[in-house]
Amino acid sequence: MSERNFGEAETDAERAVEAAIARVPAWREQGASYALMTGGISNSNWRITLAGDERRYFLKIPGAGTEMFVDRVAANEAARLAHAKGLGPEVVHFDAETGLEVAELLEGYRACTNADFQDEAIQLAAVDCYRQFHAGEGLGLTKTIFDMIDEHIAQVAGLGGSLPEDWPWLSRLYGNARSAFLASGLDLVPCFNDPMPGNFLVKQDAPMKLVDYEFASMNERSYELGVWLGEMFFTEDTAARLLEAYAGELRPELVARVAVMRALADVKWATWAMVQEQISALDFDYHKYGTWKYLRARSIMHDFRWEAWLRAL
């Protein structure tokens, strides 16, 4: 959409962003214009330009129902910690009551696509970002992959949403994996938890940045790695090379933990999609997205190595 000046809203979405702009104290005396930014599948994102300000800004309006699984205060904490480590943009305004967040717009940066992650330099830049974030200060929110899946299962039930016909089988294998992980002990570190390619921003001759920390929490390390490797459709050989780059060596137990977590990541995001199907107003086929994620989870759980992976955790 084209740039629109404050006060010219014609749609509900434009009226919502103008109301959000009016809630930012520092902007009340400045002329503002705005334009919708595409790519998000949960929230409404806008580019804000202010008269007399050299910087432009990124404004996020939380999507309907996202409060069911996003702790905005925790997300803001993670975003500020990431900025302090040079991994994310500066957060310039946050409203804890509404979840409204404003960050600097990273000029000259572009969002990655899956195709970008075929580039080894981009792969290794992401590995470095993860290594830095995982080594950072602990986050106030602990929310593991198991907490997330269990939360989504309860939400689907409460909303009257749909689960696949073979859910009893999927649920049983998920339960087995959960028990095996808990018995082995969780390796909790600060995790980003949302490796959609568009959350990785790149710019020539500049460090990679991570954006959108709304799912960040203390979580199992191997989940972070597994969900990223799965999201980028890496082959087993590429995944092994990147795990070695991350850890310094390719340990069998890490390979097993990540393999199992790739399946659980798909269960998590598939079930999240079934929640979104019931609550989101965005034009996105969540059911198709979730169905595909369940399909990929099954393919991993049917792998002849599944039981061996569980024993190796």
C-alpha atoms as a PDB file:
ATOM      1  CA  MET A   1       0.000   0.000   0.000  1.00  0.00           C
ATOM      2  CA  SER A   2       1.113   3.573  -0.600  1.00  0.00           C
ATOM      3  CA  GLU A   3       2.142   6.029   2.089  1.00  0.00           C
ATOM      4  CA  ARG A   4      -0.786   7.741   3.803  1.00  0.00           C
ATOM      5  CA  ASN A   5      -0.698  10.826   6.009  1.00  0.00           C
ATOM      6  CA  PHE A   6      -2.022  10.771   9.559  1.00  0.00           C
ATOM      7  CA  GLY A   7      -5.690  11.823   9.511  1.00  0.00           C
ATOM      8  CA  GLU A   8      -6.447  10.312   6.086  1.00  0.00           C
ATOM      9  CA  ALA A   9      -7.547   6.856   7.268  1.00  0.00           C
ATOM     10  CA  GLU A  10     -10.212   5.187   5.135  1.00  0.00           C
ATOM     11  CA  THR A  11     -10.186   1.566   6.333  1.00  0.00           C
ATOM     12  CA  ASP A  12     -10.499  -0.096   9.723  1.00  0.00           C
ATOM     13  CA  ALA A  13      -6.824  -1.099   9.541  1.00  0.00           C
ATOM     14  CA  GLU A  14      -5.785   2.481   8.824  1.00  0.00           C
ATOM     15  CA  ARG A  15      -7.933   3.803  11.633  1.00  0.00           C
ATOM     16  CA  ALA A  16      -6.303   1.265  13.951  1.00  0.00           C
ATOM     17  CA  VAL A  17      -2.785   2.376  13.029  1.00  0.00           C
ATOM     18  CA  GLU A  18      -3.711   6.033  13.460  1.00  0.00           C
ATOM     19  CA  ALA A  19      -5.063   5.242  16.921  1.00  0.00           C
ATOM     20  CA  ALA A  20      -1.796   3.444  17.680  1.00  0.00           C
ATOM     21  CA  ILE A  21       0.284   6.390  16.458  1.00  0.00           C
ATOM     22  CA  ALA A  22      -1.725   8.700  18.709  1.00  0.00           C
ATOM     23  CA  ARG A  23      -0.830   6.523  21.720  1.00  0.00           C
ATOM     24  CA  VAL A  24       2.916   7.114  21.309  1.00  0.00           C
ATOM     25  CA  PRO A  25       3.624  10.201  23.463  1.00  0.00           C
ATOM     26  CA  ALA A  26       6.712  11.322  21.544  1.00  0.00           C
ATOM     27  CA  TRP A  27       4.778  11.391  18.269  1.00  0.00           C
ATOM     28  CA  ARG A  28       1.815  13.530  19.286  1.00  0.00           C
ATOM     29  CA  GLU A  29       3.319  16.802  18.053  1.00  0.00           C
ATOM     30  CA  GLN A  30       4.936  15.377  14.924  1.00  0.00           C
ATOM     31  CA  GLY A  31       3.374  14.918  11.510  1.00  0.00           C
ATOM     32  CA  ALA A  32       3.272  11.222  10.703  1.00  0.00           C
ATOM     33  CA  SER A  33       2.692   9.090   7.637  1.00  0.00           C
ATOM     34  CA  TYR A  34       2.387   5.330   7.479  1.00  0.00           C
ATOM     35  CA  ALA A  35       2.442   2.368   5.114  1.00  0.00           C
ATOM     36  CA  LEU A  36       1.521  -1.273   5.638  1.00  0.00           C
ATOM     37  CA  MET A  37       4.404  -3.738   5.671  1.00  0.00           C
ATOM     38  CA  THR A  38       3.659  -7.217   4.365  1.00  0.00           C
ATOM     39  CA  GLY A  39       4.990 -10.566   5.524  1.00  0.00           C
ATOM     40  CA  GLY A  40       3.613 -11.079   9.036  1.00  0.00           C
ATOM     41  CA  ILE A  41       1.151 -13.896   9.741  1.00  0.00           C
ATOM     42  CA  SER A  42       0.051 -12.876  13.248  1.00  0.00           C
ATOM     43  CA  ASN A  43       0.196  -9.098  13.624  1.00  0.00           C
ATOM     44  CA  SER A  44      -0.360  -5.897  11.658  1.00  0.00           C
ATOM     45  CA  ASN A  45       2.970  -4.222  10.857  1.00  0.00           C
ATOM     46  CA  TRP A  46       3.504  -0.639   9.684  1.00  0.00           C
ATOM     47  CA  ARG A  47       6.327   1.622   8.568  1.00  0.00           C
ATOM     48  CA  ILE A  48       6.094   5.041  10.219  1.00  0.00           C
ATOM     49  CA  THR A  49       7.696   8.241   8.911  1.00  0.00           C
ATOM     50  CA  LEU A  50       7.808  11.359  11.102  1.00  0.00           C
ATOM     51  CA  ALA A  51       8.317  14.916   9.910  1.00  0.00           C
ATOM     52  CA  GLY A  52      11.787  16.149  10.798  1.00  0.00           C
ATOM     53  CA  ASP A  53      13.014  12.750  12.021  1.00  0.00           C
ATOM     54  CA  GLU A  54      15.837  11.105  10.099  1.00  0.00           C
ATOM     55  CA  ARG A  55      14.882   7.687  11.401  1.00  0.00           C
ATOM     56  CA  ARG A  56      11.846   5.698  10.323  1.00  0.00           C
ATOM     57  CA  TYR A  57      10.074   3.257  12.601  1.00  0.00           C
ATOM     58  CA  PHE A  58       8.457  -0.170  12.635  1.00  0.00           C
ATOM     59  CA  LEU A  59       5.139  -0.303  14.498  1.00  0.00           C
ATOM     60  CA  LYS A  60       3.582  -3.634  15.465  1.00  0.00           C
ATOM     61  CA  ILE A  61      -0.118  -3.859  16.343  1.00  0.00           C
ATOM     62  CA  PRO A  62      -0.840  -7.226  18.020  1.00  0.00           C
ATOM     63  CA  GLY A  63      -3.185  -9.456  16.051  1.00  0.00           C
ATOM     64  CA  ALA A  64      -6.583 -10.458  17.399  1.00  0.00           C
ATOM     65  CA  GLY A  65      -6.301 -13.301  19.893  1.00  0.00           C
ATOM     66  CA  THR A  66      -2.502 -13.361  19.999  1.00  0.00           C
ATOM     67  CA  GLU A  67      -2.639 -12.670  23.723  1.00  0.00           C
ATOM     68  CA  MET A  68      -3.600 -16.350  24.035  1.00  0.00           C
ATOM     69  CA  PHE A  69      -0.013 -17.404  23.419  1.00  0.00           C
ATOM     70  CA  VAL A  70       2.159 -14.267  23.426  1.00  0.00           C
ATOM     71  CA  ASP A  71       3.425 -12.598  26.604  1.00  0.00           C
ATOM     72  CA  ARG A  72       4.125  -9.099  25.267  1.00  0.00           C
ATOM     73  CA  VAL A  73       6.079  -7.999  28.337  1.00  0.00           C
ATOM     74  CA  ALA A  74       8.367 -11.024  28.012  1.00  0.00           C
ATOM     75  CA  ALA A  75       8.727 -10.376  24.278  1.00  0.00           C
ATOM     76  CA  ASN A  76       9.743  -6.788  24.962  1.00  0.00           C
ATOM     77  CA  GLU A  77      12.343  -7.956  27.486  1.00  0.00           C
ATOM     78  CA  ALA A  78      13.831 -10.337  24.914  1.00  0.00           C
ATOM     79  CA  ALA A  79      13.868  -7.659  22.203  1.00  0.00           C
ATOM     80  CA  ARG A  80      15.722  -5.214  24.440  1.00  0.00           C
ATOM     81  CA  LEU A  81      18.272  -7.838  25.470  1.00  0.00           C
ATOM     82  CA  ALA A  82      18.809  -8.757  21.815  1.00  0.00           C
ATOM     83  CA  HIS A  83      19.409  -5.113  20.918  1.00  0.00           C
ATOM     84  CA  ALA A  84      21.931  -4.810  23.742  1.00  0.00           C
ATOM     85  CA  LYS A  85      23.863  -7.712  22.181  1.00  0.00           C
ATOM     86  CA  GLY A  86      23.705  -6.147  18.705  1.00  0.00           C
ATOM     87  CA  LEU A  87      21.293  -8.787  17.420  1.00  0.00           C
ATOM     88  CA  GLY A  88      18.090  -6.781  17.053  1.00  0.00           C
ATOM     89  CA  PRO A  89      16.723  -3.284  16.435  1.00  0.00           C
ATOM     90  CA  GLU A  90      16.304  -0.708  19.172  1.00  0.00           C
ATOM     91  CA  VAL A  91      12.876  -0.732  20.828  1.00  0.00           C
ATOM     92  CA  VAL A  92      11.865   2.921  21.208  1.00  0.00           C
ATOM     93  CA  HIS A  93       8.373   2.518  22.685  1.00  0.00           C
ATOM     94  CA  PHE A  94       6.383  -0.248  24.345  1.00  0.00           C
ATOM     95  CA  ASP A  95       2.895  -0.141  25.840  1.00  0.00           C
ATOM     96  CA  ALA A  96       2.519  -3.067  28.245  1.00  0.00           C
ATOM     97  CA  GLU A  97      -1.255  -2.602  28.428  1.00  0.00           C
ATOM     98  CA  THR A  98      -1.929  -2.931  24.694  1.00  0.00           C
ATOM     99  CA  GLY A  99       1.214  -4.729  23.532  1.00  0.00           C
ATOM    100  CA  LEU A 100       1.911  -1.931  21.050  1.00  0.00           C
ATOM    101  CA  GLU A 101       5.613  -1.915  20.178  1.00  0.00           C
ATOM    102  CA  VAL A 102       7.716   0.512  18.145  1.00  0.00           C
ATOM    103  CA  ALA A 103      11.249  -0.264  16.987  1.00  0.00           C
ATOM    104  CA  GLU A 104      13.720   1.473  14.758  1.00  0.00           C
ATOM    105  CA  LEU A 105      13.343   0.519  11.103  1.00  0.00           C
ATOM    106  CA  LEU A 106      16.513  -1.228  10.003  1.00  0.00           C
ATOM    107  CA  GLU A 107      17.228   0.801   6.881  1.00  0.00           C
ATOM    108  CA  GLY A 108      18.890  -1.041   4.027  1.00  0.00           C
ATOM    109  CA  TYR A 109      18.089  -4.433   5.487  1.00  0.00           C
ATOM    110  CA  ARG A 110      15.827  -6.939   3.758  1.00  0.00           C
ATOM    111  CA  ALA A 111      14.006  -9.995   5.009  1.00  0.00           C
ATOM    112  CA  CYS A 112      15.447 -13.373   4.080  1.00  0.00           C
ATOM    113  CA  THR A 113      13.609 -16.044   2.133  1.00  0.00           C
ATOM    114  CA  ASN A 114      14.112 -19.797   2.188  1.00  0.00           C
ATOM    115  CA  ALA A 115      16.207 -19.389  -0.954  1.00  0.00           C
ATOM    116  CA  ASP A 116      18.638 -17.131   0.911  1.00  0.00           C
ATOM    117  CA  PHE A 117      19.350 -19.939   3.338  1.00  0.00           C
ATOM    118  CA  GLN A 118      20.927 -21.990   0.573  1.00  0.00           C
ATOM    119  CA  ASP A 119      23.839 -19.533   0.908  1.00  0.00           C
ATOM    120  CA  GLU A 120      26.417 -20.909   3.342  1.00  0.00           C
ATOM    121  CA  ALA A 121      27.392 -17.423   4.516  1.00  0.00           C
ATOM    122  CA  ILE A 122      23.798 -16.706   5.535  1.00  0.00           C
ATOM    123  CA  GLN A 123      23.505 -20.116   7.195  1.00  0.00           C
ATOM    124  CA  LEU A 124      26.594 -19.467   9.294  1.00  0.00           C
ATOM    125  CA  ALA A 125      25.485 -15.926  10.137  1.00  0.00           C
ATOM    126  CA  ALA A 126      22.267 -17.376  11.564  1.00  0.00           C
ATOM    127  CA  VAL A 127      24.234 -19.976  13.529  1.00  0.00           C
ATOM    128  CA  ASP A 128      26.305 -17.159  15.012  1.00  0.00           C
ATOM    129  CA  CYS A 129      23.171 -15.191  15.955  1.00  0.00           C
ATOM    130  CA  TYR A 130      21.758 -18.224  17.724  1.00  0.00           C
ATOM    131  CA  ARG A 131      25.004 -18.921  19.538  1.00  0.00           C
ATOM    132  CA  GLN A 132      25.124 -15.341  20.820  1.00  0.00           C
ATOM    133  CA  PHE A 133      21.468 -15.262  21.868  1.00  0.00           C
ATOM    134  CA  HIS A 134      21.726 -18.616  23.639  1.00  0.00           C
ATOM    135  CA  ALA A 135      24.750 -17.405  25.598  1.00  0.00           C
ATOM    136  CA  GLY A 136      22.994 -14.237  26.732  1.00  0.00           C
ATOM    137  CA  GLU A 137      21.346 -13.204  29.955  1.00  0.00           C
ATOM    138  CA  GLY A 138      18.493 -15.460  31.052  1.00  0.00           C
ATOM    139  CA  LEU A 139      14.943 -14.402  30.192  1.00  0.00           C
ATOM    140  CA  GLY A 140      12.236 -13.955  32.793  1.00  0.00           C
ATOM    141  CA  LEU A 141       9.830 -16.285  30.992  1.00  0.00           C
ATOM    142  CA  THR A 142      10.426 -20.033  30.893  1.00  0.00           C
ATOM    143  CA  LYS A 143       8.168 -21.636  28.306  1.00  0.00           C
ATOM    144  CA  THR A 144       9.372 -24.893  26.821  1.00  0.00           C
ATOM    145  CA  ILE A 145       8.274 -26.561  23.627  1.00  0.00           C
ATOM    146  CA  PHE A 146       6.196 -28.910  25.769  1.00  0.00           C
ATOM    147  CA  ASP A 147       4.445 -26.001  27.473  1.00  0.00           C
ATOM    148  CA  MET A 148       3.694 -24.558  24.035  1.00  0.00           C
ATOM    149  CA  ILE A 149       2.269 -27.741  22.556  1.00  0.00           C
ATOM    150  CA  ASP A 150       0.148 -28.479  25.626  1.00  0.00           C
ATOM    151  CA  GLU A 151      -1.125 -24.888  25.586  1.00  0.00           C
ATOM    152  CA  HIS A 152      -2.150 -25.126  21.929  1.00  0.00           C
ATOM    153  CA  ILE A 153      -3.876 -28.482  22.434  1.00  0.00           C
ATOM    154  CA  ALA A 154      -5.988 -26.965  25.213  1.00  0.00           C
ATOM    155  CA  GLN A 155      -6.717 -23.884  23.109  1.00  0.00           C
ATOM    156  CA  VAL A 156      -7.890 -25.919  20.125  1.00  0.00           C
ATOM    157  CA  ALA A 157     -10.235 -27.828  22.414  1.00  0.00           C
ATOM    158  CA  GLY A 158     -11.551 -24.630  23.982  1.00  0.00           C
ATOM    159  CA  LEU A 159     -12.162 -22.982  20.614  1.00  0.00           C
ATOM    160  CA  GLY A 160     -13.766 -26.006  19.001  1.00  0.00           C
ATOM    161  CA  GLY A 161     -10.974 -26.195  16.450  1.00  0.00           C
ATOM    162  CA  SER A 162      -9.915 -29.190  14.410  1.00  0.00           C
ATOM    163  CA  LEU A 163      -7.204 -31.773  14.936  1.00  0.00           C
ATOM    164  CA  PRO A 164      -6.222 -34.491  12.433  1.00  0.00           C
ATOM    165  CA  GLU A 165      -7.981 -37.850  12.449  1.00  0.00           C
ATOM    166  CA  ASP A 166      -4.826 -39.598  13.622  1.00  0.00           C
ATOM    167  CA  TRP A 167      -4.401 -37.222  16.553  1.00  0.00           C
ATOM    168  CA  PRO A 168      -4.458 -40.099  19.103  1.00  0.00           C
ATOM    169  CA  TRP A 169      -1.384 -41.570  17.368  1.00  0.00           C
ATOM    170  CA  LEU A 170       0.381 -38.214  17.046  1.00  0.00           C
ATOM    171  CA  SER A 171      -0.437 -37.414  20.661  1.00  0.00           C
ATOM    172  CA  ARG A 172       0.948 -40.754  21.861  1.00  0.00           C
ATOM    173  CA  LEU A 173       4.253 -40.278  20.026  1.00  0.00           C
ATOM    174  CA  TYR A 174       4.466 -36.706  21.253  1.00  0.00           C
ATOM    175  CA  GLY A 175       3.932 -37.972  24.816  1.00  0.00           C
ATOM    176  CA  ASN A 176       6.690 -40.560  24.408  1.00  0.00           C
ATOM    177  CA  ALA A 177       9.098 -37.896  23.159  1.00  0.00           C
ATOM    178  CA  ARG A 178       8.122 -35.555  25.965  1.00  0.00           C
ATOM    179  CA  SER A 179       8.772 -38.233  28.595  1.00  0.00           C
ATOM    180  CA  ALA A 180      12.123 -39.144  27.051  1.00  0.00           C
ATOM    181  CA  PHE A 181      13.271 -35.523  26.992  1.00  0.00           C
ATOM    182  CA  LEU A 182      12.203 -34.828  30.548  1.00  0.00           C
ATOM    183  CA  ALA A 183      13.967 -37.974  31.723  1.00  0.00           C
ATOM    184  CA  SER A 184      17.179 -36.909  29.981  1.00  0.00           C
ATOM    185  CA  GLY A 185      17.025 -33.364  31.377  1.00  0.00           C
ATOM    186  CA  LEU A 186      16.317 -30.107  29.562  1.00  0.00           C
ATOM    187  CA  ASP A 187      19.082 -27.775  28.409  1.00  0.00           C
ATOM    188  CA  LEU A 188      17.342 -24.428  28.957  1.00  0.00           C
ATOM    189  CA  VAL A 189      18.799 -21.338  27.260  1.00  0.00           C
ATOM    190  CA  PRO A 190      17.350 -18.044  25.977  1.00  0.00           C
ATOM    191  CA  CYS A 191      15.614 -19.014  22.727  1.00  0.00           C
ATOM    192  CA  PHE A 192      14.220 -16.956  19.856  1.00  0.00           C
ATOM    193  CA  ASN A 193      11.665 -19.687  19.014  1.00  0.00           C
ATOM    194  CA  ASP A 194      10.406 -18.235  15.699  1.00  0.00           C
ATOM    195  CA  PRO A 195      12.678 -18.973  12.727  1.00  0.00           C
ATOM    196  CA  MET A 196      10.393 -17.797   9.931  1.00  0.00           C
ATOM    197  CA  PRO A 197      12.858 -16.749   7.190  1.00  0.00           C
ATOM    198  CA  GLY A 198      11.500 -13.204   7.214  1.00  0.00           C
ATOM    199  CA  ASN A 199      12.627 -12.785  10.832  1.00  0.00           C
ATOM    200  CA  PHE A 200      16.259 -12.876   9.681  1.00  0.00           C
ATOM    201  CA  LEU A 201      17.323  -9.575   8.128  1.00  0.00           C
ATOM    202  CA  VAL A 202      20.429  -9.083   6.021  1.00  0.00           C
ATOM    203  CA  LYS A 203      22.300  -6.124   4.579  1.00  0.00           C
ATOM    204  CA  GLN A 204      25.475  -6.049   2.532  1.00  0.00           C
ATOM    205  CA  ASP A 205      28.580  -5.606   4.676  1.00  0.00           C
ATOM    206  CA  ALA A 206      26.508  -5.524   7.878  1.00  0.00           C
ATOM    207  CA  PRO A 207      25.725  -8.142  10.533  1.00  0.00           C
ATOM    208  CA  MET A 208      22.552 -10.218  10.344  1.00  0.00           C
ATOM    209  CA  LYS A 209      19.722  -9.070  12.611  1.00  0.00           C
ATOM    210  CA  LEU A 210      16.869 -10.997  14.234  1.00  0.00           C
ATOM    211  CA  VAL A 211      13.446  -9.381  14.555  1.00  0.00           C
ATOM    212  CA  ASP A 212      10.158 -10.357  16.223  1.00  0.00           C
ATOM    213  CA  TYR A 213      10.803 -11.726  19.712  1.00  0.00           C
ATOM    214  CA  GLU A 214       7.205 -12.410  20.707  1.00  0.00           C
ATOM    215  CA  PHE A 215       7.760 -16.154  21.163  1.00  0.00           C
ATOM    216  CA  ALA A 216      11.134 -15.820  22.927  1.00  0.00           C
ATOM    217  CA  SER A 217      11.598 -17.689  26.200  1.00  0.00           C
ATOM    218  CA  MET A 218      13.905 -19.941  28.141  1.00  0.00           C
ATOM    219  CA  ASN A 219      13.530 -23.174  26.208  1.00  0.00           C
ATOM    220  CA  GLU A 220      15.289 -26.389  25.255  1.00  0.00           C
ATOM    221  CA  ARG A 221      18.343 -25.589  23.123  1.00  0.00           C
ATOM    222  CA  SER A 222      17.758 -28.427  20.674  1.00  0.00           C
ATOM    223  CA  TYR A 223      14.251 -27.146  19.928  1.00  0.00           C
ATOM    224  CA  GLU A 224      15.677 -23.842  18.737  1.00  0.00           C
ATOM    225  CA  LEU A 225      18.083 -25.649  16.439  1.00  0.00           C
ATOM    226  CA  GLY A 226      15.556 -28.226  15.266  1.00  0.00           C
ATOM    227  CA  VAL A 227      12.794 -25.787  14.402  1.00  0.00           C
ATOM    228  CA  TRP A 228      15.261 -23.651  12.430  1.00  0.00           C
ATOM    229  CA  LEU A 229      16.740 -26.582  10.506  1.00  0.00           C
ATOM    230  CA  GLY A 230      13.243 -27.762   9.651  1.00  0.00           C
ATOM    231  CA  GLU A 231      11.954 -24.321   8.689  1.00  0.00           C
ATOM    232  CA  MET A 232      14.803 -23.920   6.200  1.00  0.00           C
ATOM    233  CA  PHE A 233      14.326 -27.408   4.684  1.00  0.00           C
ATOM    234  CA  PHE A 234      17.975 -28.286   5.170  1.00  0.00           C
ATOM    235  CA  THR A 235      19.159 -31.732   4.118  1.00  0.00           C
ATOM    236  CA  GLU A 236      20.601 -34.041   6.759  1.00  0.00           C
ATOM    237  CA  ASP A 237      24.128 -33.362   5.511  1.00  0.00           C
ATOM    238  CA  THR A 238      23.640 -29.596   5.724  1.00  0.00           C
ATOM    239  CA  ALA A 239      22.012 -29.909   9.140  1.00  0.00           C
ATOM    240  CA  ALA A 240      24.953 -31.969  10.406  1.00  0.00           C
ATOM    241  CA  ARG A 241      27.429 -29.395   9.116  1.00  0.00           C
ATOM    242  CA  LEU A 242      25.541 -26.542  10.792  1.00  0.00           C
ATOM    243  CA  LEU A 243      25.186 -28.393  14.092  1.00  0.00           C
ATOM    244  CA  GLU A 244      28.935 -28.968  14.074  1.00  0.00           C
ATOM    245  CA  ALA A 245      29.480 -25.263  13.354  1.00  0.00           C
ATOM    246  CA  TYR A 246      27.194 -24.374  16.268  1.00  0.00           C
ATOM    247  CA  ALA A 247      28.562 -26.808  18.855  1.00  0.00           C
ATOM    248  CA  GLY A 248      32.150 -27.223  17.672  1.00  0.00           C
ATOM    249  CA  GLU A 249      31.636 -30.957  17.265  1.00  0.00           C
ATOM    250  CA  LEU A 250      28.890 -33.275  16.054  1.00  0.00           C
ATOM    251  CA  ARG A 251      27.765 -35.112  19.178  1.00  0.00           C
ATOM    252  CA  PRO A 252      25.381 -38.075  18.664  1.00  0.00           C
ATOM    253  CA  GLU A 253      23.068 -36.979  21.484  1.00  0.00           C
ATOM    254  CA  LEU A 254      22.712 -33.497  19.960  1.00  0.00           C
ATOM    255  CA  VAL A 255      21.876 -35.016  16.572  1.00  0.00           C
ATOM    256  CA  ALA A 256      19.213 -37.184  18.231  1.00  0.00           C
ATOM    257  CA  ARG A 257      17.729 -34.344  20.274  1.00  0.00           C
ATOM    258  CA  VAL A 258      17.519 -32.074  17.244  1.00  0.00           C
ATOM    259  CA  ALA A 259      15.983 -34.805  15.066  1.00  0.00           C
ATOM    260  CA  VAL A 260      13.188 -35.407  17.578  1.00  0.00           C
ATOM    261  CA  MET A 261      12.670 -31.691  18.061  1.00  0.00           C
ATOM    262  CA  ARG A 262      12.188 -31.196  14.329  1.00  0.00           C
ATOM    263  CA  ALA A 263       9.095 -33.374  14.597  1.00  0.00           C
ATOM    264  CA  LEU A 264       7.851 -31.704  17.774  1.00  0.00           C
ATOM    265  CA  ALA A 265       8.378 -28.288  16.193  1.00  0.00           C
ATOM    266  CA  ASP A 266       6.030 -29.266  13.383  1.00  0.00           C
ATOM    267  CA  VAL A 267       3.457 -30.545  15.873  1.00  0.00           C
ATOM    268  CA  LYS A 268       3.699 -27.258  17.763  1.00  0.00           C
ATOM    269  CA  TRP A 269       3.300 -24.988  14.730  1.00  0.00           C
ATOM    270  CA  ALA A 270       0.619 -27.171  13.164  1.00  0.00           C
ATOM    271  CA  THR A 271      -1.459 -26.999  16.342  1.00  0.00           C
ATOM    272  CA  TRP A 272      -0.774 -23.259  16.616  1.00  0.00           C
ATOM    273  CA  ALA A 273      -2.170 -22.921  13.107  1.00  0.00           C
ATOM    274  CA  MET A 274      -5.384 -24.664  14.160  1.00  0.00           C
ATOM    275  CA  VAL A 275      -5.729 -22.066  16.927  1.00  0.00           C
ATOM    276  CA  GLN A 276      -5.055 -19.244  14.480  1.00  0.00           C
ATOM    277  CA  GLU A 277      -7.678 -20.640  12.124  1.00  0.00           C
ATOM    278  CA  GLN A 278     -10.267 -19.930  14.812  1.00  0.00           C
ATOM    279  CA  ILE A 279      -9.119 -16.490  15.978  1.00  0.00           C
ATOM    280  CA  SER A 280      -7.166 -14.663  13.279  1.00  0.00           C
ATOM    281  CA  ALA A 281      -8.633 -12.024  10.963  1.00  0.00           C
ATOM    282  CA  LEU A 282      -5.613 -12.138   8.629  1.00  0.00           C
ATOM    283  CA  ASP A 283      -5.952 -13.463   5.082  1.00  0.00           C
ATOM    284  CA  PHE A 284      -3.871 -16.603   5.510  1.00  0.00           C
ATOM    285  CA  ASP A 285      -4.741 -20.276   5.021  1.00  0.00           C
ATOM    286  CA  TYR A 286      -3.818 -21.532   8.484  1.00  0.00           C
ATOM    287  CA  HIS A 287      -5.546 -24.880   7.980  1.00  0.00           C
ATOM    288  CA  LYS A 288      -3.435 -25.682   4.926  1.00  0.00           C
ATOM    289  CA  TYR A 289      -0.298 -24.554   6.755  1.00  0.00           C
ATOM    290  CA  GLY A 290      -1.108 -26.713   9.770  1.00  0.00           C
ATOM    291  CA  THR A 291      -2.063 -29.747   7.703  1.00  0.00           C
ATOM    292  CA  TRP A 292       1.290 -29.617   5.940  1.00  0.00           C
ATOM    293  CA  LYS A 293       3.170 -29.286   9.244  1.00  0.00           C
ATOM    294  CA  TYR A 294       1.390 -32.338  10.668  1.00  0.00           C
ATOM    295  CA  LEU A 295       2.303 -34.230   7.505  1.00  0.00           C
ATOM    296  CA  ARG A 296       5.985 -33.467   7.936  1.00  0.00           C
ATOM    297  CA  ALA A 297       5.879 -34.370  11.639  1.00  0.00           C
ATOM    298  CA  ARG A 298       4.480 -37.785  10.694  1.00  0.00           C
ATOM    299  CA  SER A 299       7.268 -38.333   8.170  1.00  0.00           C
ATOM    300  CA  ILE A 300       9.884 -37.842  10.901  1.00  0.00           C
ATOM    301  CA  MET A 301       8.036 -39.972  13.447  1.00  0.00           C
ATOM    302  CA  HIS A 302       7.803 -42.781  10.866  1.00  0.00           C
ATOM    303  CA  ASP A 303      11.577 -42.676  10.308  1.00  0.00           C
ATOM    304  CA  PHE A 304      13.135 -46.038  11.219  1.00  0.00           C
ATOM    305  CA  ARG A 305      15.546 -44.182  13.542  1.00  0.00           C
ATOM    306  CA  TRP A 306      12.820 -42.593  15.697  1.00  0.00           C
ATOM    307  CA  GLU A 307      13.049 -45.021  18.623  1.00  0.00           C
ATOM    308  CA  ALA A 308      16.852 -44.966  18.510  1.00  0.00           C
ATOM    309  CA  TRP A 309      16.787 -41.167  18.663  1.00  0.00           C
ATOM    310  CA  LEU A 310      14.572 -41.319  21.752  1.00  0.00           C
ATOM    311  CA  ARG A 311      16.969 -43.720  23.454  1.00  0.00           C
ATOM    312  CA  ALA A 312      19.947 -41.485  22.609  1.00  0.00           C
ATOM    313  CA  LEU A 313      18.597 -38.297  24.167  1.00  0.00           C
END
